[in-house]
Amino acid sequence: MKPVLMFMMKSCPYCREAFTWMDELKREKTEYSDIDISMIDENIHPDIADKYDYYFVPTYYVDGIKVHEGAATKEIVRNVFEKAIR
């Protein structure tokens, strides 16, 4: 299983929506619960965020590769999770 790095901000409505999708998908497919997801709040850890190439949150990296940036749908989050379990 590949690690997922998610850049987010607590104040971001798109991030909150992505969290909802993530929780829902984990309930639908228990295998998703085993994915190691590190969440980096760019307001709290700008030193880490500045090392990555993205402009919008939420942004997902799977195994070091950016796979999505910006507002996410449930299907986009599912695709991120599927890349992580392959």
PDB file of N, CA and C in Angstrom:
ATOM      1  N   MET A   1       0.837  -1.174   0.000  1.00  0.00           N
ATOM      2  CA  MET A   1       0.000   0.000   0.000  1.00  0.00           C
ATOM      3  C   MET A   1       0.888   1.246   0.000  1.00  0.00           C
ATOM      4  N   LYS A   2       0.533   2.228  -0.811  1.00  0.00           N
ATOM      5  CA  LYS A   2       1.336   3.441  -0.941  1.00  0.00           C
ATOM      6  C   LYS A   2       0.833   4.522   0.009  1.00  0.00           C
ATOM      7  N   PRO A   3       1.740   5.323   0.559  1.00  0.00           N
ATOM      8  CA  PRO A   3       1.311   6.392   1.468  1.00  0.00           C
ATOM      9  C   PRO A   3       0.667   7.554   0.710  1.00  0.00           C
ATOM     10  N   VAL A   4      -0.277   8.199   1.379  1.00  0.00           N
ATOM     11  CA  VAL A   4      -0.966   9.363   0.825  1.00  0.00           C
ATOM     12  C   VAL A   4      -0.602  10.575   1.666  1.00  0.00           C
ATOM     13  N   LEU A   5      -0.270  11.651   0.989  1.00  0.00           N
ATOM     14  CA  LEU A   5       0.004  12.922   1.644  1.00  0.00           C
ATOM     15  C   LEU A   5      -1.076  13.887   1.159  1.00  0.00           C
ATOM     16  N   MET A   6      -1.799  14.472   2.116  1.00  0.00           N
ATOM     17  CA  MET A   6      -2.875  15.396   1.776  1.00  0.00           C
ATOM     18  C   MET A   6      -2.547  16.773   2.341  1.00  0.00           C
ATOM     19  N   PHE A   7      -2.506  17.771   1.460  1.00  0.00           N
ATOM     20  CA  PHE A   7      -2.343  19.146   1.907  1.00  0.00           C
ATOM     21  C   PHE A   7      -3.728  19.754   2.017  1.00  0.00           C
ATOM     22  N   MET A   8      -3.961  20.430   3.147  1.00  0.00           N
ATOM     23  CA  MET A   8      -5.280  20.953   3.428  1.00  0.00           C
ATOM     24  C   MET A   8      -5.181  22.167   4.336  1.00  0.00           C
ATOM     25  N   MET A   9      -6.334  22.793   4.567  1.00  0.00           N
ATOM     26  CA  MET A   9      -6.456  23.871   5.546  1.00  0.00           C
ATOM     27  C   MET A   9      -7.773  23.654   6.281  1.00  0.00           C
ATOM     28  N   LYS A  10      -7.763  23.809   7.585  1.00  0.00           N
ATOM     29  CA  LYS A  10      -8.986  23.607   8.364  1.00  0.00           C
ATOM     30  C   LYS A  10     -10.105  24.543   7.936  1.00  0.00           C
ATOM     31  N   SER A  11      -9.758  25.723   7.469  1.00  0.00           N
ATOM     32  CA  SER A  11     -10.762  26.710   7.078  1.00  0.00           C
ATOM     33  C   SER A  11     -11.324  26.489   5.671  1.00  0.00           C
ATOM     34  N   CYS A  12     -10.785  25.544   4.944  1.00  0.00           N
ATOM     35  CA  CYS A  12     -11.165  25.315   3.543  1.00  0.00           C
ATOM     36  C   CYS A  12     -12.442  24.472   3.434  1.00  0.00           C
ATOM     37  N   PRO A  13     -13.493  25.018   2.815  1.00  0.00           N
ATOM     38  CA  PRO A  13     -14.731  24.240   2.666  1.00  0.00           C
ATOM     39  C   PRO A  13     -14.547  23.024   1.759  1.00  0.00           C
ATOM     40  N   TYR A  14     -13.659  23.121   0.772  1.00  0.00           N
ATOM     41  CA  TYR A  14     -13.414  21.987  -0.126  1.00  0.00           C
ATOM     42  C   TYR A  14     -12.685  20.858   0.607  1.00  0.00           C
ATOM     43  N   CYS A  15     -11.832  21.227   1.551  1.00  0.00           N
ATOM     44  CA  CYS A  15     -11.144  20.220   2.362  1.00  0.00           C
ATOM     45  C   CYS A  15     -12.138  19.509   3.272  1.00  0.00           C
ATOM     46  N   ARG A  16     -13.022  20.268   3.890  1.00  0.00           N
ATOM     47  CA  ARG A  16     -14.036  19.650   4.759  1.00  0.00           C
ATOM     48  C   ARG A  16     -14.898  18.681   3.965  1.00  0.00           C
ATOM     49  N   GLU A  17     -15.235  19.057   2.736  1.00  0.00           N
ATOM     50  CA  GLU A  17     -16.009  18.160   1.883  1.00  0.00           C
ATOM     51  C   GLU A  17     -15.198  16.903   1.552  1.00  0.00           C
ATOM     52  N   ALA A  18     -13.910  17.075   1.281  1.00  0.00           N
ATOM     53  CA  ALA A  18     -13.047  15.918   0.992  1.00  0.00           C
ATOM     54  C   ALA A  18     -12.972  14.988   2.198  1.00  0.00           C
ATOM     55  N   PHE A  19     -12.903  15.551   3.416  1.00  0.00           N
ATOM     56  CA  PHE A  19     -12.892  14.712   4.625  1.00  0.00           C
ATOM     57  C   PHE A  19     -14.167  13.882   4.711  1.00  0.00           C
ATOM     58  N   THR A  20     -15.292  14.490   4.354  1.00  0.00           N
ATOM     59  CA  THR A  20     -16.568  13.771   4.364  1.00  0.00           C
ATOM     60  C   THR A  20     -16.521  12.608   3.389  1.00  0.00           C
ATOM     61  N   TRP A  21     -16.020  12.869   2.173  1.00  0.00           N
ATOM     62  CA  TRP A  21     -15.899  11.795   1.170  1.00  0.00           C
ATOM     63  C   TRP A  21     -14.959  10.704   1.662  1.00  0.00           C
ATOM     64  N   MET A  22     -13.843  11.089   2.272  1.00  0.00           N
ATOM     65  CA  MET A  22     -12.874  10.114   2.756  1.00  0.00           C
ATOM     66  C   MET A  22     -13.508   9.209   3.810  1.00  0.00           C
ATOM     67  N   ASP A  23     -14.217   9.800   4.762  1.00  0.00           N
ATOM     68  CA  ASP A  23     -14.879   9.007   5.809  1.00  0.00           C
ATOM     69  C   ASP A  23     -15.934   8.075   5.222  1.00  0.00           C
ATOM     70  N   GLU A  24     -16.715   8.590   4.288  1.00  0.00           N
ATOM     71  CA  GLU A  24     -17.760   7.794   3.665  1.00  0.00           C
ATOM     72  C   GLU A  24     -17.168   6.605   2.906  1.00  0.00           C
ATOM     73  N   LEU A  25     -16.115   6.855   2.158  1.00  0.00           N
ATOM     74  CA  LEU A  25     -15.478   5.783   1.388  1.00  0.00           C
ATOM     75  C   LEU A  25     -14.854   4.731   2.296  1.00  0.00           C
ATOM     76  N   LYS A  26     -14.294   5.145   3.411  1.00  0.00           N
ATOM     77  CA  LYS A  26     -13.713   4.182   4.363  1.00  0.00           C
ATOM     78  C   LYS A  26     -14.791   3.278   4.954  1.00  0.00           C
ATOM     79  N   ARG A  27     -15.987   3.823   5.126  1.00  0.00           N
ATOM     80  CA  ARG A  27     -17.096   2.988   5.611  1.00  0.00           C
ATOM     81  C   ARG A  27     -17.573   2.024   4.533  1.00  0.00           C
ATOM     82  N   GLU A  28     -17.526   2.444   3.280  1.00  0.00           N
ATOM     83  CA  GLU A  28     -17.976   1.607   2.164  1.00  0.00           C
ATOM     84  C   GLU A  28     -16.998   0.487   1.836  1.00  0.00           C
ATOM     85  N   LYS A  29     -15.712   0.761   1.978  1.00  0.00           N
ATOM     86  CA  LYS A  29     -14.691  -0.236   1.629  1.00  0.00           C
ATOM     87  C   LYS A  29     -13.631  -0.214   2.730  1.00  0.00           C
ATOM     88  N   THR A  30     -13.672  -1.179   3.596  1.00  0.00           N
ATOM     89  CA  THR A  30     -12.812  -1.192   4.781  1.00  0.00           C
ATOM     90  C   THR A  30     -11.324  -1.189   4.431  1.00  0.00           C
ATOM     91  N   GLU A  31     -10.965  -1.671   3.263  1.00  0.00           N
ATOM     92  CA  GLU A  31      -9.566  -1.676   2.839  1.00  0.00           C
ATOM     93  C   GLU A  31      -8.994  -0.255   2.809  1.00  0.00           C
ATOM     94  N   TYR A  32      -9.835   0.732   2.519  1.00  0.00           N
ATOM     95  CA  TYR A  32      -9.384   2.121   2.488  1.00  0.00           C
ATOM     96  C   TYR A  32      -8.931   2.610   3.862  1.00  0.00           C
ATOM     97  N   SER A  33      -9.447   2.011   4.914  1.00  0.00           N
ATOM     98  CA  SER A  33      -9.066   2.411   6.271  1.00  0.00           C
ATOM     99  C   SER A  33      -7.608   2.081   6.583  1.00  0.00           C
ATOM    100  N   ASP A  34      -7.022   1.171   5.819  1.00  0.00           N
ATOM    101  CA  ASP A  34      -5.633   0.772   6.038  1.00  0.00           C
ATOM    102  C   ASP A  34      -4.629   1.712   5.367  1.00  0.00           C
ATOM    103  N   ILE A  35      -5.117   2.661   4.573  1.00  0.00           N
ATOM    104  CA  ILE A  35      -4.225   3.584   3.866  1.00  0.00           C
ATOM    105  C   ILE A  35      -3.611   4.555   4.873  1.00  0.00           C
ATOM    106  N   ASP A  36      -2.301   4.712   4.777  1.00  0.00           N
ATOM    107  CA  ASP A  36      -1.582   5.658   5.629  1.00  0.00           C
ATOM    108  C   ASP A  36      -1.712   7.048   5.009  1.00  0.00           C
ATOM    109  N   ILE A  37      -2.536   7.916   5.634  1.00  0.00           N
ATOM    110  CA  ILE A  37      -2.775   9.261   5.122  1.00  0.00           C
ATOM    111  C   ILE A  37      -2.177  10.269   6.091  1.00  0.00           C
ATOM    112  N   SER A  38      -1.203  11.030   5.609  1.00  0.00           N
ATOM    113  CA  SER A  38      -0.618  12.114   6.397  1.00  0.00           C
ATOM    114  C   SER A  38      -1.257  13.409   5.921  1.00  0.00           C
ATOM    115  N   MET A  39      -1.845  14.147   6.859  1.00  0.00           N
ATOM    116  CA  MET A  39      -2.495  15.408   6.518  1.00  0.00           C
ATOM    117  C   MET A  39      -1.628  16.563   6.992  1.00  0.00           C
ATOM    118  N   ILE A  40      -1.318  17.449   6.073  1.00  0.00           N
ATOM    119  CA  ILE A  40      -0.485  18.604   6.368  1.00  0.00           C
ATOM    120  C   ILE A  40      -1.335  19.859   6.200  1.00  0.00           C
ATOM    121  N   ASP A  41      -1.573  20.558   7.306  1.00  0.00           N
ATOM    122  CA  ASP A  41      -2.275  21.836   7.239  1.00  0.00           C
ATOM    123  C   ASP A  41      -1.237  22.884   6.852  1.00  0.00           C
ATOM    124  N   GLU A  42      -1.411  23.478   5.690  1.00  0.00           N
ATOM    125  CA  GLU A  42      -0.382  24.398   5.190  1.00  0.00           C
ATOM    126  C   GLU A  42      -0.261  25.661   6.035  1.00  0.00           C
ATOM    127  N   ASN A  43      -1.274  25.984   6.824  1.00  0.00           N
ATOM    128  CA  ASN A  43      -1.171  27.137   7.725  1.00  0.00           C
ATOM    129  C   ASN A  43      -0.320  26.821   8.952  1.00  0.00           C
ATOM    130  N   ILE A  44      -0.335  25.569   9.360  1.00  0.00           N
ATOM    131  CA  ILE A  44       0.427  25.151  10.540  1.00  0.00           C
ATOM    132  C   ILE A  44       1.845  24.736  10.162  1.00  0.00           C
ATOM    133  N   HIS A  45       1.994  24.129   8.982  1.00  0.00           N
ATOM    134  CA  HIS A  45       3.300  23.623   8.540  1.00  0.00           C
ATOM    135  C   HIS A  45       3.693  24.197   7.176  1.00  0.00           C
ATOM    136  N   PRO A  46       3.830  25.525   7.071  1.00  0.00           N
ATOM    137  CA  PRO A  46       4.224  26.096   5.775  1.00  0.00           C
ATOM    138  C   PRO A  46       5.610  25.639   5.334  1.00  0.00           C
ATOM    139  N   ASP A  47       6.460  25.279   6.283  1.00  0.00           N
ATOM    140  CA  ASP A  47       7.802  24.799   5.950  1.00  0.00           C
ATOM    141  C   ASP A  47       7.746  23.516   5.136  1.00  0.00           C
ATOM    142  N   ILE A  48       6.782  22.655   5.436  1.00  0.00           N
ATOM    143  CA  ILE A  48       6.610  21.411   4.664  1.00  0.00           C
ATOM    144  C   ILE A  48       5.889  21.713   3.353  1.00  0.00           C
ATOM    145  N   ALA A  49       4.805  22.485   3.441  1.00  0.00           N
ATOM    146  CA  ALA A  49       3.997  22.790   2.254  1.00  0.00           C
ATOM    147  C   ALA A  49       4.815  23.479   1.166  1.00  0.00           C
ATOM    148  N   ASP A  50       5.738  24.339   1.570  1.00  0.00           N
ATOM    149  CA  ASP A  50       6.539  25.076   0.598  1.00  0.00           C
ATOM    150  C   ASP A  50       7.466  24.188  -0.222  1.00  0.00           C
ATOM    151  N   LYS A  51       7.672  22.975   0.215  1.00  0.00           N
ATOM    152  CA  LYS A  51       8.547  22.047  -0.512  1.00  0.00           C
ATOM    153  C   LYS A  51       7.818  21.310  -1.639  1.00  0.00           C
ATOM    154  N   TYR A  52       6.496  21.511  -1.750  1.00  0.00           N
ATOM    155  CA  TYR A  52       5.691  20.797  -2.746  1.00  0.00           C
ATOM    156  C   TYR A  52       5.099  21.775  -3.751  1.00  0.00           C
ATOM    157  N   ASP A  53       4.874  21.280  -4.956  1.00  0.00           N
ATOM    158  CA  ASP A  53       4.372  22.102  -6.052  1.00  0.00           C
ATOM    159  C   ASP A  53       2.854  21.954  -6.163  1.00  0.00           C
ATOM    160  N   TYR A  54       2.137  22.864  -5.521  1.00  0.00           N
ATOM    161  CA  TYR A  54       0.679  22.908  -5.638  1.00  0.00           C
ATOM    162  C   TYR A  54       0.213  24.319  -5.280  1.00  0.00           C
ATOM    163  N   TYR A  55      -1.015  24.645  -5.703  1.00  0.00           N
ATOM    164  CA  TYR A  55      -1.574  25.967  -5.432  1.00  0.00           C
ATOM    165  C   TYR A  55      -2.882  25.903  -4.662  1.00  0.00           C
ATOM    166  N   PHE A  56      -3.647  24.831  -4.867  1.00  0.00           N
ATOM    167  CA  PHE A  56      -4.979  24.724  -4.281  1.00  0.00           C
ATOM    168  C   PHE A  56      -5.061  23.540  -3.332  1.00  0.00           C
ATOM    169  N   VAL A  57      -5.919  23.660  -2.340  1.00  0.00           N
ATOM    170  CA  VAL A  57      -6.196  22.543  -1.445  1.00  0.00           C
ATOM    171  C   VAL A  57      -7.655  22.132  -1.614  1.00  0.00           C
ATOM    172  N   PRO A  58      -7.969  20.872  -1.392  1.00  0.00           N
ATOM    173  CA  PRO A  58      -7.046  19.815  -1.007  1.00  0.00           C
ATOM    174  C   PRO A  58      -6.193  19.345  -2.185  1.00  0.00           C
ATOM    175  N   THR A  59      -4.983  18.939  -1.853  1.00  0.00           N
ATOM    176  CA  THR A  59      -4.080  18.329  -2.829  1.00  0.00           C
ATOM    177  C   THR A  59      -3.628  16.993  -2.273  1.00  0.00           C
ATOM    178  N   TYR A  60      -3.658  15.980  -3.118  1.00  0.00           N
ATOM    179  CA  TYR A  60      -3.261  14.632  -2.729  1.00  0.00           C
ATOM    180  C   TYR A  60      -2.025  14.200  -3.506  1.00  0.00           C
ATOM    181  N   TYR A  61      -1.072  13.635  -2.773  1.00  0.00           N
ATOM    182  CA  TYR A  61       0.083  12.962  -3.357  1.00  0.00           C
ATOM    183  C   TYR A  61       0.000  11.499  -2.951  1.00  0.00           C
ATOM    184  N   VAL A  62       0.220  10.607  -3.900  1.00  0.00           N
ATOM    185  CA  VAL A  62       0.282   9.179  -3.610  1.00  0.00           C
ATOM    186  C   VAL A  62       1.692   8.719  -3.942  1.00  0.00           C
ATOM    187  N   ASP A  63       2.374   8.227  -2.922  1.00  0.00           N
ATOM    188  CA  ASP A  63       3.741   7.744  -3.092  1.00  0.00           C
ATOM    189  C   ASP A  63       4.637   8.815  -3.730  1.00  0.00           C
ATOM    190  N   GLY A  64       4.428  10.074  -3.306  1.00  0.00           N
ATOM    191  CA  GLY A  64       5.257  11.174  -3.769  1.00  0.00           C
ATOM    192  C   GLY A  64       4.844  11.821  -5.078  1.00  0.00           C
ATOM    193  N   ILE A  65       3.787  11.325  -5.714  1.00  0.00           N
ATOM    194  CA  ILE A  65       3.327  11.855  -7.003  1.00  0.00           C
ATOM    195  C   ILE A  65       1.989  12.561  -6.811  1.00  0.00           C
ATOM    196  N   LYS A  66       1.909  13.810  -7.292  1.00  0.00           N
ATOM    197  CA  LYS A  66       0.654  14.551  -7.173  1.00  0.00           C
ATOM    198  C   LYS A  66      -0.392  13.908  -8.069  1.00  0.00           C
ATOM    199  N   VAL A  67      -1.540  13.540  -7.468  1.00  0.00           N
ATOM    200  CA  VAL A  67      -2.597  12.885  -8.233  1.00  0.00           C
ATOM    201  C   VAL A  67      -3.874  13.713  -8.295  1.00  0.00           C
ATOM    202  N   HIS A  68      -4.000  14.722  -7.420  1.00  0.00           N
ATOM    203  CA  HIS A  68      -5.165  15.603  -7.498  1.00  0.00           C
ATOM    204  C   HIS A  68      -4.885  16.904  -6.761  1.00  0.00           C
ATOM    205  N   GLU A  69      -5.416  18.000  -7.338  1.00  0.00           N
ATOM    206  CA  GLU A  69      -5.281  19.321  -6.721  1.00  0.00           C
ATOM    207  C   GLU A  69      -6.581  20.085  -6.902  1.00  0.00           C
ATOM    208  N   GLY A  70      -7.112  20.624  -5.818  1.00  0.00           N
ATOM    209  CA  GLY A  70      -8.317  21.452  -5.866  1.00  0.00           C
ATOM    210  C   GLY A  70      -9.537  20.703  -5.371  1.00  0.00           C
ATOM    211  N   ALA A  71     -10.695  21.319  -5.558  1.00  0.00           N
ATOM    212  CA  ALA A  71     -11.954  20.737  -5.075  1.00  0.00           C
ATOM    213  C   ALA A  71     -12.088  19.300  -5.566  1.00  0.00           C
ATOM    214  N   ALA A  72     -12.522  18.428  -4.675  1.00  0.00           N
ATOM    215  CA  ALA A  72     -12.606  17.001  -4.999  1.00  0.00           C
ATOM    216  C   ALA A  72     -14.048  16.510  -4.925  1.00  0.00           C
ATOM    217  N   THR A  73     -14.342  15.551  -5.751  1.00  0.00           N
ATOM    218  CA  THR A  73     -15.620  14.847  -5.680  1.00  0.00           C
ATOM    219  C   THR A  73     -15.381  13.508  -4.985  1.00  0.00           C
ATOM    220  N   LYS A  74     -16.442  12.815  -4.692  1.00  0.00           N
ATOM    221  CA  LYS A  74     -16.300  11.493  -4.087  1.00  0.00           C
ATOM    222  C   LYS A  74     -15.521  10.564  -5.018  1.00  0.00           C
ATOM    223  N   GLU A  75     -15.778  10.673  -6.309  1.00  0.00           N
ATOM    224  CA  GLU A  75     -15.098   9.809  -7.275  1.00  0.00           C
ATOM    225  C   GLU A  75     -13.606  10.125  -7.339  1.00  0.00           C
ATOM    226  N   ILE A  76     -13.250  11.380  -7.238  1.00  0.00           N
ATOM    227  CA  ILE A  76     -11.830  11.759  -7.242  1.00  0.00           C
ATOM    228  C   ILE A  76     -11.131  11.179  -6.022  1.00  0.00           C
ATOM    229  N   VAL A  77     -11.763  11.282  -4.855  1.00  0.00           N
ATOM    230  CA  VAL A  77     -11.162  10.721  -3.638  1.00  0.00           C
ATOM    231  C   VAL A  77     -11.054   9.204  -3.758  1.00  0.00           C
ATOM    232  N   ARG A  78     -12.066   8.569  -4.344  1.00  0.00           N
ATOM    233  CA  ARG A  78     -12.000   7.118  -4.558  1.00  0.00           C
ATOM    234  C   ARG A  78     -10.799   6.770  -5.443  1.00  0.00           C
ATOM    235  N   ASN A  79     -10.570   7.553  -6.477  1.00  0.00           N
ATOM    236  CA  ASN A  79      -9.424   7.309  -7.370  1.00  0.00           C
ATOM    237  C   ASN A  79      -8.099   7.457  -6.629  1.00  0.00           C
ATOM    238  N   VAL A  80      -8.015   8.447  -5.751  1.00  0.00           N
ATOM    239  CA  VAL A  80      -6.813   8.617  -4.928  1.00  0.00           C
ATOM    240  C   VAL A  80      -6.599   7.363  -4.080  1.00  0.00           C
ATOM    241  N   PHE A  81      -7.652   6.907  -3.422  1.00  0.00           N
ATOM    242  CA  PHE A  81      -7.550   5.712  -2.577  1.00  0.00           C
ATOM    243  C   PHE A  81      -7.179   4.475  -3.390  1.00  0.00           C
ATOM    244  N   GLU A  82      -7.752   4.352  -4.581  1.00  0.00           N
ATOM    245  CA  GLU A  82      -7.443   3.196  -5.422  1.00  0.00           C
ATOM    246  C   GLU A  82      -5.979   3.203  -5.852  1.00  0.00           C
ATOM    247  N   LYS A  83      -5.449   4.374  -6.149  1.00  0.00           N
ATOM    248  CA  LYS A  83      -4.016   4.456  -6.491  1.00  0.00           C
ATOM    249  C   LYS A  83      -3.155   4.033  -5.305  1.00  0.00           C
ATOM    250  N   ALA A  84      -3.613   4.340  -4.105  1.00  0.00           N
ATOM    251  CA  ALA A  84      -2.842   4.005  -2.906  1.00  0.00           C
ATOM    252  C   ALA A  84      -2.836   2.507  -2.620  1.00  0.00           C
ATOM    253  N   ILE A  85      -3.925   1.812  -2.949  1.00  0.00           N
ATOM    254  CA  ILE A  85      -3.973   0.377  -2.627  1.00  0.00           C
ATOM    255  C   ILE A  85      -3.403  -0.499  -3.739  1.00  0.00           C
ATOM    256  N   ARG A  86      -3.117   0.049  -4.900  1.00  0.00           N
ATOM    257  CA  ARG A  86      -2.541  -0.750  -6.002  1.00  0.00           C
ATOM    258  C   ARG A  86      -1.072  -0.985  -5.802  1.00  0.00           C
TER     259      ARG A  86
END
